[in-house]
Amino acid sequence: MHYWDFSRSRSPAAWLLLAILVSGVTQADVYRLAISEQSINLIGEAQQAVVADGALPAPTLHWREGEDVTLQVSNQLKTQTSIHWHGIILPYRMDGVPGISFDGIEPGQTFTYQFKVKQSGTYWYHGHSGMQEQQGLFGALIIAPQNEQQTVDRDYVVMLSDWARADPERTMARLKKQSDYYNFQKRTVGDFFADIQRLGFWETISDRLAWGEMRMEPTDLADVTGANYRFLINGQTAESNLLYLFKPGEKIRLRFINASAMTHFDVRLPGLKMTVIAADGQPVEPVDVDEFRIAVAETYDVLVQPQTEQAYSIFAEAMDRSGYVNATLTPRADLPAESPAMRPMTLLTLAEMGGAHAGHQTWADATADKGLSHAHTEHSAMPEQTMTEHAAHQHAAAEVPISAHAGHTMSDADSGDRTKPLSYSQLIATQPNHSLMGPPDREITLRLTGNMQRYIWSFDDIKYADAEPIRVKFGERIRFTYVNETMMNHPVHLHGLWQYLDNGNGMYNPQKHVINVKPGQTVSVDVPADAEGEWAFHCHLLYHMDSGMFRRLIVERAEHVHP
């Protein structure tokens, strides 16, 4: 049994931070991380993980806004490594992307990162070399503001991740050979007859023919599923019974970080209202929700305030319902919460895919709101697999039911579910940004494209190896429009620069470092080019990025602009 108490969850660096808070003095400190391999057992057999300071996840780092940090990262591996400070505004040479911002950290070498912390909030850091992020190289990064506006009694990190049963290189090879290798939730003959009864014979035949023509399945919500993954909270499986302690009446801040390689999660605490107060480290106007979907690489801060001696499940189920992980928020270590049932997967619809193959769904259409429409029904949980990998695949296929409303997105009224999920349209910045008013200096459209049969992902049908950099001028405001022409969600991450999501709130549009673009959707963001240098620009689904959905963005001063 594992439990987190405020006094126990703080590192020595955190106690130093508390002393700084009391004194009000900005302090510089030196942090050291050693990257190495370590044997771990999360699937019933030993596997090699890539870890920082021998921990999975890596140690939580506590910084303070205005601090001058020095970070010495030593490589004890036999291969190159790196650390990227996700969402942090810094000089591009400190961004930690081999081949773009620096040469990487070779075996036996130490690289020193140095920069001033210019922000506050919940962030994270992770490897940016090969598949090391999937292999365990990630950790939380908490930055205290110079003037704290939100005081709480307890402050916890809830770090979600996916751990692969198969070696990541083997996983990629399987996807290249058969892109739906891990989709063991395909529709069955029984589903066919059920759809005939519900929709009629000819409509069902038309539906099957349309999906067949696209060489897709409406169950294609995720490339890599629970058939290959164990899902973790703070490096622990659901069986570990991770506990977060509280006293009734206390205000608790839960900092959710999705450090997964490929998995979006739907998060809820049944019986306990959550108030979202920050997205991607930036404050937003408080929003009361019953659940939220957290895309890969996003962060959300939520407040909860339980009033009674009751235990609550912190329940995160994969978007495709192929598995889950949970922990317990409890007043006593001997009082675990009952785990709720997982809900059935709601399939992609031809209407959604029509946007991906015909016209494109606009932001207004999208916020009408599918939000968490894949999350609005009930069913029994799929047990965690403990057998061989291939047997686990078959077991997953047998145990995960599909919604009776498969093929049709349901509204809350249709499903009888009265939960309040978070949607992007509800994210409103707490402070206005007047620079967002008026037309942008330049507009750039990026199509999110892919060849599912060959498992190649790209921007504008050009994979990274063949693409020219995107060049912009320092001081420009660029409006990027992302047009998702695929059946997959794509969490688009831009290093070094903020993306202001155009969700209809004008100068109060939220600033984010990751924008999740749903299938068939078109989304626009404003990006002030206020940081000179070369920046990575990619889908944060690791296997998509690795297969080509990646660009280099170069911010040049006017006198250096490429002809």
Protein backbone atom coordinates (compact mmCIF):
# COMPACT_ATOMS: atom_id res chain seq x y z
CA MET A 1 0.00 0.00 0.00
CA HIS A 2 1.25 3.48 -0.91
CA TYR A 3 -0.05 6.79 0.34
CA TRP A 4 0.82 10.42 -0.19
CA ASP A 5 0.75 12.91 2.65
CA PHE A 6 1.64 16.57 2.11
CA SER A 7 4.53 16.37 4.54
CA ARG A 8 5.85 13.18 2.93
CA SER A 9 5.35 14.12 -0.71
CA ARG A 10 7.76 17.03 -0.54
CA SER A 11 11.38 16.64 -1.69
CA PRO A 12 14.31 18.36 0.08
CA ALA A 13 14.09 20.96 -2.68
CA ALA A 14 10.49 21.59 -1.65
CA TRP A 15 11.47 22.34 1.95
CA LEU A 16 14.02 24.80 0.60
CA LEU A 17 11.20 26.31 -1.45
CA LEU A 18 9.05 26.73 1.66
CA ALA A 19 11.89 28.55 3.37
CA ILE A 20 12.17 30.83 0.35
CA LEU A 21 8.44 31.52 0.49
CA VAL A 22 8.76 32.62 4.09
CA SER A 23 11.77 34.83 3.44
CA GLY A 24 10.47 36.28 0.15
CA VAL A 25 13.95 36.04 -1.36
CA THR A 26 14.47 34.72 -4.89
CA GLN A 27 17.03 31.93 -4.72
CA ALA A 28 19.14 30.13 -7.26
CA ASP A 29 19.72 26.44 -6.71
CA VAL A 30 21.52 23.58 -8.41
CA TYR A 31 19.51 20.44 -9.26
CA ARG A 32 21.08 17.17 -10.31
CA LEU A 33 19.55 14.24 -12.16
CA ALA A 34 21.23 10.99 -13.17
CA ILE A 35 19.65 9.06 -16.08
CA SER A 36 20.09 5.28 -15.94
CA GLU A 37 18.43 1.94 -16.62
CA GLN A 38 16.64 0.05 -13.87
CA SER A 39 14.78 -3.23 -13.70
CA ILE A 40 11.11 -2.90 -12.72
CA ASN A 41 8.14 -5.26 -12.57
CA LEU A 42 4.76 -3.84 -13.56
CA ILE A 43 3.41 -6.71 -15.70
CA GLY A 44 4.45 -9.77 -13.69
CA GLU A 45 7.93 -9.97 -15.18
CA ALA A 46 11.09 -7.86 -15.08
CA GLN A 47 11.57 -5.14 -17.69
CA GLN A 48 14.15 -2.41 -18.18
CA ALA A 49 13.04 1.16 -17.55
CA VAL A 50 14.88 4.43 -18.24
CA VAL A 51 14.67 6.47 -15.06
CA ALA A 52 15.97 9.62 -13.40
CA ASP A 53 17.59 9.14 -9.97
CA GLY A 54 16.35 5.54 -9.94
CA ALA A 55 12.67 6.55 -9.71
CA LEU A 56 9.57 5.96 -11.86
CA PRO A 57 8.30 8.59 -12.27
CA ALA A 58 11.35 10.84 -11.93
CA PRO A 59 11.57 13.06 -8.84
CA THR A 60 9.10 15.94 -8.64
CA LEU A 61 11.04 19.18 -9.03
CA HIS A 62 9.88 22.25 -7.13
CA TRP A 63 10.94 25.64 -8.49
CA ARG A 64 9.89 29.22 -7.81
CA GLU A 65 8.91 31.88 -10.33
CA GLY A 66 11.89 34.21 -10.82
CA GLU A 67 14.43 31.61 -9.70
CA ASP A 68 17.66 31.12 -11.66
CA VAL A 69 17.92 27.36 -12.00
CA THR A 70 20.93 25.24 -12.84
CA LEU A 71 20.23 21.60 -13.71
CA GLN A 72 23.03 19.11 -14.19
CA VAL A 73 21.82 16.01 -16.06
CA SER A 74 24.25 13.08 -16.17
CA ASN A 75 23.88 10.22 -18.63
CA GLN A 76 24.61 6.77 -17.19
CA LEU A 77 23.02 4.98 -20.16
CA LYS A 78 24.82 3.34 -23.08
CA THR A 79 22.89 5.57 -25.52
CA GLN A 80 22.25 9.28 -25.91
CA THR A 81 19.65 10.93 -23.66
CA SER A 82 18.03 14.33 -23.13
CA ILE A 83 15.53 16.16 -20.93
CA HIS A 84 12.87 18.50 -22.33
CA TRP A 85 11.20 20.94 -19.92
CA HIS A 86 7.64 20.68 -21.22
CA GLY A 87 5.75 23.98 -21.40
CA ILE A 88 8.65 26.01 -19.96
CA ILE A 89 9.61 29.33 -21.55
CA LEU A 90 13.39 29.37 -21.84
CA PRO A 91 16.28 29.99 -24.27
CA TYR A 92 16.00 27.52 -27.12
CA ARG A 93 19.46 26.06 -26.45
CA MET A 94 18.07 24.87 -23.10
CA ASP A 95 14.93 23.22 -24.54
CA GLY A 96 16.47 19.75 -24.66
CA VAL A 97 15.61 18.44 -28.15
CA PRO A 98 18.55 16.65 -29.83
CA GLY A 99 19.13 17.79 -33.40
CA ILE A 100 17.26 21.06 -32.89
CA SER A 101 18.24 22.85 -29.69
CA PHE A 102 21.36 20.88 -28.77
CA ASP A 103 23.37 17.76 -29.61
CA GLY A 104 21.96 15.57 -26.84
CA ILE A 105 23.79 14.11 -23.83
CA GLU A 106 26.18 11.34 -24.78
CA PRO A 107 26.93 8.33 -22.51
CA GLY A 108 29.09 9.31 -19.58
CA GLN A 109 28.53 13.03 -20.16
CA THR A 110 26.80 15.73 -18.09
CA PHE A 111 24.87 18.62 -19.61
CA THR A 112 24.09 21.75 -17.61
CA TYR A 113 20.78 23.50 -18.20
CA GLN A 114 20.65 27.11 -16.97
CA PHE A 115 17.77 29.58 -17.25
CA LYS A 116 15.49 31.92 -15.31
CA VAL A 117 12.03 30.65 -14.41
CA LYS A 118 9.51 33.07 -15.93
CA GLN A 119 6.23 31.37 -15.04
CA SER A 120 4.41 29.35 -12.43
CA GLY A 121 2.05 26.39 -12.37
CA THR A 122 1.96 22.65 -13.09
CA TYR A 123 4.30 21.32 -15.77
CA TRP A 124 6.43 18.26 -16.39
CA TYR A 125 9.70 17.13 -17.90
CA HIS A 126 10.56 14.11 -20.02
CA GLY A 127 13.10 12.49 -22.28
CA HIS A 128 13.20 13.59 -25.91
CA SER A 129 15.52 10.88 -27.21
CA GLY A 130 14.21 7.75 -28.95
CA MET A 131 11.46 6.07 -26.94
CA GLN A 132 12.85 6.96 -23.49
CA GLU A 133 9.71 8.88 -22.51
CA GLN A 134 7.66 5.69 -23.03
CA GLN A 135 10.29 3.76 -21.05
CA GLY A 136 9.79 5.83 -17.89
CA LEU A 137 11.82 9.03 -18.26
CA PHE A 138 9.33 11.67 -17.06
CA GLY A 139 8.58 13.62 -13.90
CA ALA A 140 6.43 16.43 -12.49
CA LEU A 141 7.56 20.04 -12.35
CA ILE A 142 5.79 22.36 -9.90
CA ILE A 143 6.58 26.10 -9.99
CA ALA A 144 5.40 28.27 -7.11
CA PRO A 145 4.20 31.77 -8.09
CA GLN A 146 5.78 34.88 -6.61
CA ASN A 147 2.35 35.81 -5.24
CA GLU A 148 0.19 32.79 -4.48
CA GLN A 149 -3.48 33.46 -5.23
CA GLN A 150 -4.85 30.02 -4.41
CA THR A 151 -4.07 28.72 -0.93
CA VAL A 152 -4.89 25.09 -0.17
CA ASP A 153 -4.53 22.68 2.72
CA ARG A 154 -2.99 19.88 0.64
CA ASP A 155 -1.30 19.84 -2.72
CA TYR A 156 -0.90 16.57 -4.65
CA VAL A 157 0.50 15.45 -7.99
CA VAL A 158 -1.56 12.86 -9.92
CA MET A 159 0.67 11.76 -12.78
CA LEU A 160 -0.98 9.48 -15.33
CA SER A 161 1.04 7.31 -17.70
CA ASP A 162 0.96 4.19 -19.85
CA TRP A 163 3.52 1.40 -19.50
CA ALA A 164 4.05 -0.92 -22.46
CA ARG A 165 4.14 -4.71 -22.15
CA ALA A 166 6.12 -4.86 -25.39
CA ASP A 167 9.37 -3.04 -26.08
CA PRO A 168 8.49 0.33 -27.72
CA GLU A 169 10.53 -0.47 -30.83
CA ARG A 170 8.65 -3.75 -31.15
CA THR A 171 5.37 -1.89 -30.74
CA MET A 172 6.28 0.51 -33.54
CA ALA A 173 7.30 -2.39 -35.81
CA ARG A 174 3.91 -4.04 -35.22
CA LEU A 175 2.05 -0.83 -36.05
CA LYS A 176 4.05 -0.46 -39.26
CA LYS A 177 3.09 -4.00 -40.31
CA GLN A 178 -0.54 -3.81 -39.15
CA SER A 179 -1.83 -0.44 -37.96
CA ASP A 180 -4.78 -1.95 -36.07
CA TYR A 181 -2.65 -4.62 -34.38
CA TYR A 182 -3.75 -3.49 -30.89
CA ASN A 183 -7.41 -2.91 -31.74
CA PHE A 184 -9.10 -5.92 -30.14
CA GLN A 185 -12.46 -4.16 -29.80
CA LYS A 186 -13.62 -4.51 -33.41
CA ARG A 187 -17.31 -4.98 -34.09
CA THR A 188 -18.57 -8.56 -34.13
CA VAL A 189 -21.27 -10.50 -35.94
CA GLY A 190 -23.42 -9.97 -32.87
CA ASP A 191 -22.98 -6.21 -33.21
CA PHE A 192 -23.99 -6.49 -36.88
CA PHE A 193 -27.33 -8.12 -36.03
CA ALA A 194 -27.91 -5.73 -33.14
CA ASP A 195 -27.38 -2.79 -35.51
CA ILE A 196 -29.84 -4.32 -38.02
CA GLN A 197 -32.45 -4.47 -35.28
CA ARG A 198 -31.70 -0.90 -34.21
CA LEU A 199 -31.01 0.80 -37.56
CA GLY A 200 -32.52 -1.44 -40.20
CA PHE A 201 -30.86 -3.75 -42.73
CA TRP A 202 -29.91 -1.32 -45.49
CA GLU A 203 -28.61 1.43 -43.19
CA THR A 204 -26.45 -1.13 -41.40
CA ILE A 205 -25.09 -2.46 -44.71
CA SER A 206 -24.39 1.09 -45.87
CA ASP A 207 -22.57 1.84 -42.63
CA ARG A 208 -20.35 -1.26 -42.93
CA LEU A 209 -19.55 -0.56 -46.59
CA ALA A 210 -18.60 3.05 -45.84
CA TRP A 211 -16.18 2.04 -43.08
CA GLY A 212 -14.79 -0.71 -45.29
CA GLU A 213 -14.15 1.76 -48.10
CA MET A 214 -12.13 3.91 -45.68
CA ARG A 215 -10.30 0.77 -44.45
CA MET A 216 -11.12 1.81 -40.90
CA GLU A 217 -13.05 0.63 -37.89
CA PRO A 218 -15.25 2.95 -35.80
CA THR A 219 -13.41 1.47 -32.81
CA ASP A 220 -10.15 3.08 -34.01
CA LEU A 221 -9.95 5.54 -31.13
CA ALA A 222 -6.37 4.69 -30.15
CA ASP A 223 -3.39 3.12 -31.95
CA VAL A 224 -2.00 1.41 -28.86
CA THR A 225 -4.53 0.17 -26.31
CA GLY A 226 -4.86 -1.59 -22.99
CA ALA A 227 -4.02 -4.80 -24.87
CA ASN A 228 -0.39 -3.58 -24.67
CA TYR A 229 -0.51 -1.06 -21.82
CA ARG A 230 -0.72 -1.05 -18.06
CA PHE A 231 -1.99 2.32 -16.88
CA LEU A 232 -0.28 4.02 -13.92
CA ILE A 233 -0.75 6.81 -11.38
CA ASN A 234 2.57 8.08 -10.03
CA GLY A 235 4.21 4.93 -11.38
CA GLN A 236 1.77 2.61 -9.56
CA THR A 237 -0.84 0.24 -10.98
CA ALA A 238 -4.42 0.12 -9.70
CA GLU A 239 -3.50 -2.95 -7.62
CA SER A 240 -0.98 -0.87 -5.64
CA ASN A 241 -3.84 0.94 -3.88
CA LEU A 242 -2.24 4.39 -3.94
CA LEU A 243 -3.77 6.65 -1.28
CA TYR A 244 -3.99 10.45 -1.00
CA LEU A 245 -4.92 11.53 2.54
CA PHE A 246 -7.14 14.41 3.67
CA LYS A 247 -9.16 15.67 6.63
CA PRO A 248 -12.84 16.52 6.06
CA GLY A 249 -13.33 20.16 5.14
CA GLU A 250 -9.84 20.64 3.75
CA LYS A 251 -9.31 22.25 0.35
CA ILE A 252 -7.16 19.99 -1.81
CA ARG A 253 -5.38 20.80 -5.05
CA LEU A 254 -4.91 17.87 -7.41
CA ARG A 255 -2.38 18.50 -10.17
CA PHE A 256 -3.20 16.10 -13.01
CA ILE A 257 -0.45 15.49 -15.56
CA ASN A 258 -0.86 13.14 -18.51
CA ALA A 259 2.65 11.77 -19.09
CA SER A 260 1.41 8.98 -21.36
CA ALA A 261 2.98 8.20 -24.69
CA MET A 262 -0.35 7.46 -26.43
CA THR A 263 -3.32 7.45 -24.02
CA HIS A 264 -5.99 10.08 -23.44
CA PHE A 265 -7.83 9.60 -20.14
CA ASP A 266 -11.31 10.49 -18.91
CA VAL A 267 -10.96 11.46 -15.24
CA ARG A 268 -13.65 11.55 -12.56
CA LEU A 269 -14.03 11.35 -8.79
CA PRO A 270 -17.51 9.85 -8.41
CA GLY A 271 -19.49 11.67 -5.76
CA LEU A 272 -17.12 14.63 -5.54
CA LYS A 273 -17.36 17.82 -7.59
CA MET A 274 -14.13 19.12 -9.11
CA THR A 275 -13.33 22.75 -9.87
CA VAL A 276 -10.83 23.26 -12.69
CA ILE A 277 -8.60 26.27 -11.91
CA ALA A 278 -5.68 25.86 -14.32
CA ALA A 279 -4.96 24.31 -17.71
CA ASP A 280 -1.40 23.62 -18.89
CA GLY A 281 -0.08 25.54 -15.89
CA GLN A 282 -2.04 28.73 -16.63
CA PRO A 283 -4.88 30.00 -14.40
CA VAL A 284 -8.41 29.86 -15.81
CA GLU A 285 -11.71 31.04 -14.41
CA PRO A 286 -13.01 28.30 -12.08
CA VAL A 287 -15.18 25.69 -13.81
CA ASP A 288 -17.17 23.09 -11.85
CA VAL A 289 -17.12 19.71 -13.59
CA ASP A 290 -17.88 16.07 -12.86
CA GLU A 291 -15.18 14.82 -15.22
CA PHE A 292 -12.65 15.92 -17.81
CA ARG A 293 -10.70 14.42 -20.66
CA ILE A 294 -6.96 15.00 -20.41
CA ALA A 295 -5.06 14.60 -23.67
CA VAL A 296 -1.52 13.32 -23.83
CA ALA A 297 0.91 15.93 -22.38
CA GLU A 298 -1.80 18.23 -20.97
CA THR A 299 -2.06 19.28 -17.32
CA TYR A 300 -5.11 20.34 -15.32
CA ASP A 301 -5.26 21.66 -11.74
CA VAL A 302 -8.50 20.95 -9.89
CA LEU A 303 -9.78 21.79 -6.42
CA VAL A 304 -11.86 19.40 -4.33
CA GLN A 305 -13.19 19.86 -0.81
CA PRO A 306 -14.64 16.67 0.69
CA GLN A 307 -16.78 17.37 3.74
CA THR A 308 -17.22 13.92 5.29
CA GLU A 309 -15.14 10.91 6.29
CA GLN A 310 -15.73 9.24 2.96
CA ALA A 311 -13.23 7.76 0.53
CA TYR A 312 -13.36 8.76 -3.15
CA SER A 313 -11.92 7.00 -6.17
CA ILE A 314 -9.63 9.00 -8.45
CA PHE A 315 -10.63 7.10 -11.57
CA ALA A 316 -8.95 7.50 -14.96
CA GLU A 317 -10.21 5.32 -17.79
CA ALA A 318 -8.60 5.20 -21.20
CA MET A 319 -10.57 7.07 -23.87
CA ASP A 320 -11.08 3.83 -25.81
CA ARG A 321 -12.15 2.01 -22.60
CA SER A 322 -9.43 -0.62 -22.98
CA GLY A 323 -8.36 -0.22 -19.36
CA TYR A 324 -8.13 2.12 -16.38
CA VAL A 325 -6.12 3.10 -13.33
CA ASN A 326 -7.36 4.44 -10.04
CA ALA A 327 -6.21 5.69 -6.66
CA THR A 328 -8.06 6.70 -3.50
CA LEU A 329 -8.59 10.09 -1.87
CA THR A 330 -9.35 9.13 1.71
CA PRO A 331 -9.40 10.42 5.31
CA ARG A 332 -7.81 7.20 6.60
CA ALA A 333 -5.18 4.80 5.30
CA ASP A 334 -7.46 1.85 6.15
CA LEU A 335 -10.40 3.24 4.15
CA PRO A 336 -10.02 2.61 0.38
CA ALA A 337 -12.68 3.74 -2.08
CA GLU A 338 -14.75 1.35 -4.13
CA SER A 339 -13.68 1.46 -7.76
CA PRO A 340 -16.52 2.47 -10.12
CA ALA A 341 -17.42 0.47 -13.20
CA MET A 342 -15.83 1.44 -16.47
CA ARG A 343 -18.18 2.72 -19.14
CA PRO A 344 -18.51 1.39 -22.68
CA MET A 345 -16.71 2.90 -25.60
CA THR A 346 -18.81 5.06 -27.90
CA LEU A 347 -17.68 4.57 -31.48
CA LEU A 348 -16.59 7.10 -34.04
CA THR A 349 -19.46 8.08 -36.32
CA LEU A 350 -19.55 8.50 -40.09
CA ALA A 351 -20.64 12.10 -39.47
CA GLU A 352 -17.40 12.71 -37.54
CA MET A 353 -15.35 11.01 -40.23
CA GLY A 354 -17.21 12.96 -42.91
CA GLY A 355 -15.41 15.98 -41.50
CA ALA A 356 -12.12 14.16 -41.93
CA HIS A 357 -12.79 13.10 -45.51
CA ALA A 358 -15.14 15.69 -46.98
CA GLY A 359 -15.58 19.11 -45.39
CA HIS A 360 -13.99 19.99 -42.05
CA GLN A 361 -15.71 20.39 -38.72
CA THR A 362 -15.32 23.90 -37.37
CA TRP A 363 -14.65 24.91 -33.78
CA ALA A 364 -18.25 26.07 -33.39
CA ASP A 365 -19.50 22.68 -34.58
CA ALA A 366 -17.09 20.86 -32.31
CA THR A 367 -18.08 22.74 -29.19
CA ALA A 368 -21.69 21.91 -29.75
CA ASP A 369 -20.14 19.78 -27.82
CA LYS A 370 -18.85 16.30 -28.29
CA GLY A 371 -16.47 17.16 -25.47
CA LEU A 372 -16.47 13.83 -23.72
CA SER A 373 -19.20 12.22 -25.79
CA HIS A 374 -17.14 9.03 -25.81
CA ALA A 375 -17.52 8.94 -22.02
CA HIS A 376 -21.22 9.08 -21.32
CA THR A 377 -22.52 5.57 -20.68
CA GLU A 378 -22.05 2.77 -18.17
CA HIS A 379 -20.61 -0.73 -18.21
CA SER A 380 -18.58 -3.24 -16.28
CA ALA A 381 -14.81 -2.91 -15.87
CA MET A 382 -12.39 -4.95 -17.89
CA PRO A 383 -10.12 -6.84 -15.51
CA GLU A 384 -6.37 -6.16 -15.74
CA GLN A 385 -4.61 -8.82 -17.79
CA THR A 386 -1.99 -10.96 -16.10
CA MET A 387 -1.34 -13.52 -18.81
CA THR A 388 0.92 -13.60 -21.84
CA GLU A 389 0.71 -10.63 -24.19
CA HIS A 390 -1.13 -12.44 -26.99
CA ALA A 391 -3.59 -14.04 -24.58
CA ALA A 392 -4.10 -10.62 -23.01
CA HIS A 393 -5.06 -9.23 -26.44
CA GLN A 394 -7.74 -11.89 -26.88
CA HIS A 395 -8.97 -11.40 -23.34
CA ALA A 396 -9.30 -7.65 -23.89
CA ALA A 397 -11.35 -8.25 -27.02
CA ALA A 398 -13.74 -10.53 -25.15
CA GLU A 399 -14.14 -8.41 -22.05
CA VAL A 400 -14.61 -4.84 -23.28
CA PRO A 401 -18.21 -4.33 -24.42
CA ILE A 402 -19.24 -1.73 -26.97
CA SER A 403 -22.04 0.70 -26.30
CA ALA A 404 -25.46 -0.32 -27.55
CA HIS A 405 -25.47 3.11 -29.18
CA ALA A 406 -22.29 2.33 -31.11
CA GLY A 407 -21.94 4.41 -34.22
CA HIS A 408 -23.96 7.30 -32.83
CA THR A 409 -22.70 10.04 -30.55
CA MET A 410 -25.15 10.50 -27.73
CA SER A 411 -26.09 13.64 -25.91
CA ASP A 412 -26.49 13.61 -22.14
CA ALA A 413 -30.23 13.53 -22.63
CA ASP A 414 -29.98 10.49 -24.88
CA SER A 415 -27.79 8.52 -22.52
CA GLY A 416 -29.48 9.48 -19.28
CA ASP A 417 -26.07 10.57 -17.96
CA ARG A 418 -26.17 13.96 -16.23
CA THR A 419 -22.45 14.40 -15.70
CA LYS A 420 -20.81 17.72 -16.52
CA PRO A 421 -17.67 17.12 -18.58
CA LEU A 422 -15.16 19.87 -19.26
CA SER A 423 -14.92 21.25 -22.79
CA TYR A 424 -12.29 23.57 -24.26
CA SER A 425 -14.97 26.23 -24.77
CA GLN A 426 -15.19 26.62 -20.96
CA LEU A 427 -11.51 27.56 -20.55
CA ILE A 428 -11.36 31.32 -19.94
CA ALA A 429 -8.09 33.06 -19.01
CA THR A 430 -8.16 35.01 -15.77
CA GLN A 431 -6.24 37.92 -17.31
CA PRO A 432 -6.85 39.51 -20.73
CA ASN A 433 -4.24 39.51 -23.49
CA HIS A 434 -4.89 42.65 -25.53
CA SER A 435 -2.37 41.59 -28.19
CA LEU A 436 -4.87 38.97 -29.37
CA MET A 437 -7.21 41.66 -30.67
CA GLY A 438 -7.04 42.60 -34.34
CA PRO A 439 -5.88 40.55 -37.30
CA PRO A 440 -2.76 38.37 -37.06
CA ASP A 441 0.42 39.26 -38.95
CA ARG A 442 0.34 35.95 -40.78
CA GLU A 443 -1.90 32.92 -41.17
CA ILE A 444 -0.60 29.38 -41.65
CA THR A 445 -2.79 26.31 -42.18
CA LEU A 446 -1.41 22.92 -41.17
CA ARG A 447 -3.27 19.81 -42.25
CA LEU A 448 -2.92 16.90 -39.82
CA THR A 449 -2.48 13.94 -42.15
CA GLY A 450 -1.62 10.26 -42.09
CA ASN A 451 -1.51 7.01 -43.97
CA MET A 452 -2.95 4.48 -41.55
CA GLN A 453 -2.09 1.50 -43.75
CA ARG A 454 1.63 2.36 -43.75
CA TYR A 455 1.47 3.99 -40.30
CA ILE A 456 2.97 7.29 -41.44
CA TRP A 457 1.84 10.49 -39.75
CA SER A 458 2.65 13.98 -40.98
CA PHE A 459 1.74 17.61 -41.44
CA ASP A 460 0.49 18.42 -44.96
CA ASP A 461 1.30 14.86 -46.12
CA ILE A 462 5.03 15.58 -45.73
CA LYS A 463 6.90 13.63 -43.07
CA TYR A 464 9.55 15.42 -41.02
CA ALA A 465 12.54 13.99 -42.89
CA ASP A 466 11.29 15.62 -46.12
CA ALA A 467 9.84 18.85 -44.72
CA GLU A 468 11.26 22.37 -44.81
CA PRO A 469 11.22 24.33 -41.54
CA ILE A 470 8.42 26.77 -40.85
CA ARG A 471 10.04 30.22 -40.67
CA VAL A 472 8.45 33.21 -38.92
CA LYS A 473 9.68 36.63 -37.85
CA PHE A 474 10.35 37.54 -34.24
CA GLY A 475 7.52 39.77 -33.01
CA GLU A 476 4.90 38.46 -35.40
CA ARG A 477 1.59 37.04 -34.26
CA ILE A 478 0.83 33.97 -36.34
CA ARG A 479 -2.56 32.33 -36.58
CA PHE A 480 -2.12 28.60 -37.06
CA THR A 481 -5.16 26.64 -38.20
CA TYR A 482 -5.00 22.89 -37.63
CA VAL A 483 -7.19 20.84 -39.96
CA ASN A 484 -7.44 17.25 -38.77
CA GLU A 485 -8.01 15.04 -41.81
CA THR A 486 -7.53 11.81 -39.85
CA MET A 487 -9.59 9.56 -37.61
CA MET A 488 -7.30 10.15 -34.63
CA ASN A 489 -7.01 12.78 -31.92
CA HIS A 490 -3.76 14.74 -32.25
CA PRO A 491 -2.41 16.69 -29.25
CA VAL A 492 -0.30 19.36 -30.98
CA HIS A 493 2.62 20.68 -28.92
CA LEU A 494 4.68 23.75 -29.78
CA HIS A 495 7.93 24.15 -27.85
CA GLY A 496 9.03 27.53 -26.50
CA LEU A 497 5.91 29.51 -27.48
CA TRP A 498 2.39 29.73 -26.13
CA GLN A 499 -0.63 28.78 -28.22
CA TYR A 500 -3.72 30.90 -27.49
CA LEU A 501 -6.66 28.68 -28.30
CA ASP A 502 -9.41 30.48 -30.21
CA ASN A 503 -12.41 29.17 -28.30
CA GLY A 504 -14.56 32.28 -28.71
CA ASN A 505 -13.40 34.17 -25.62
CA GLY A 506 -11.43 36.88 -27.45
CA MET A 507 -8.72 38.48 -25.36
CA TYR A 508 -9.55 35.89 -22.66
CA ASN A 509 -8.72 32.93 -24.92
CA PRO A 510 -6.68 30.46 -22.83
CA GLN A 511 -2.96 29.95 -23.40
CA LYS A 512 -1.87 26.32 -23.72
CA HIS A 513 1.21 24.36 -24.69
CA VAL A 514 -0.85 21.43 -26.06
CA ILE A 515 -3.96 21.69 -28.23
CA ASN A 516 -5.88 18.46 -28.73
CA VAL A 517 -7.48 18.37 -32.21
CA LYS A 518 -10.28 15.81 -32.53
CA PRO A 519 -11.02 13.72 -35.64
CA GLY A 520 -12.35 15.86 -38.48
CA GLN A 521 -12.01 19.05 -36.45
CA THR A 522 -10.52 22.41 -37.43
CA VAL A 523 -8.98 24.49 -34.64
CA SER A 524 -7.22 27.86 -34.73
CA VAL A 525 -4.61 29.21 -32.33
CA ASP A 526 -2.74 32.51 -32.08
CA VAL A 527 1.01 32.23 -31.47
CA PRO A 528 3.05 35.33 -30.57
CA ALA A 529 6.56 34.66 -31.92
CA ASP A 530 8.26 36.16 -28.87
CA ALA A 531 11.15 33.69 -28.45
CA GLU A 532 13.97 33.62 -30.97
CA GLY A 533 15.39 30.25 -31.94
CA GLU A 534 14.53 26.84 -33.35
CA TRP A 535 11.62 25.01 -31.79
CA ALA A 536 10.12 21.54 -32.12
CA PHE A 537 6.49 21.46 -33.30
CA HIS A 538 4.79 18.06 -33.22
CA CYS A 539 1.97 15.73 -32.32
CA HIS A 540 2.65 14.55 -28.76
CA LEU A 541 1.48 11.00 -29.45
CA LEU A 542 4.95 9.47 -29.33
CA TYR A 543 4.48 6.97 -32.15
CA HIS A 544 2.96 9.66 -34.38
CA MET A 545 5.86 12.01 -33.69
CA ASP A 546 8.39 9.24 -34.29
CA SER A 547 6.78 8.32 -37.62
CA GLY A 548 6.91 11.86 -39.05
CA MET A 549 4.30 14.20 -37.49
CA PHE A 550 6.96 16.74 -36.56
CA ARG A 551 8.21 20.08 -37.84
CA ARG A 552 10.89 22.59 -36.96
CA LEU A 553 9.66 26.16 -36.31
CA ILE A 554 12.34 28.83 -36.67
CA VAL A 555 11.74 32.27 -35.14
CA GLU A 556 14.17 34.68 -36.79
CA ARG A 557 14.90 38.33 -36.17
CA ALA A 558 14.11 40.49 -39.19
CA GLU A 559 17.76 40.94 -40.19
CA HIS A 560 18.24 37.15 -40.24
CA VAL A 561 15.14 36.20 -42.19
CA HIS A 562 15.75 33.47 -44.77
CA PRO A 563 15.28 34.73 -48.35
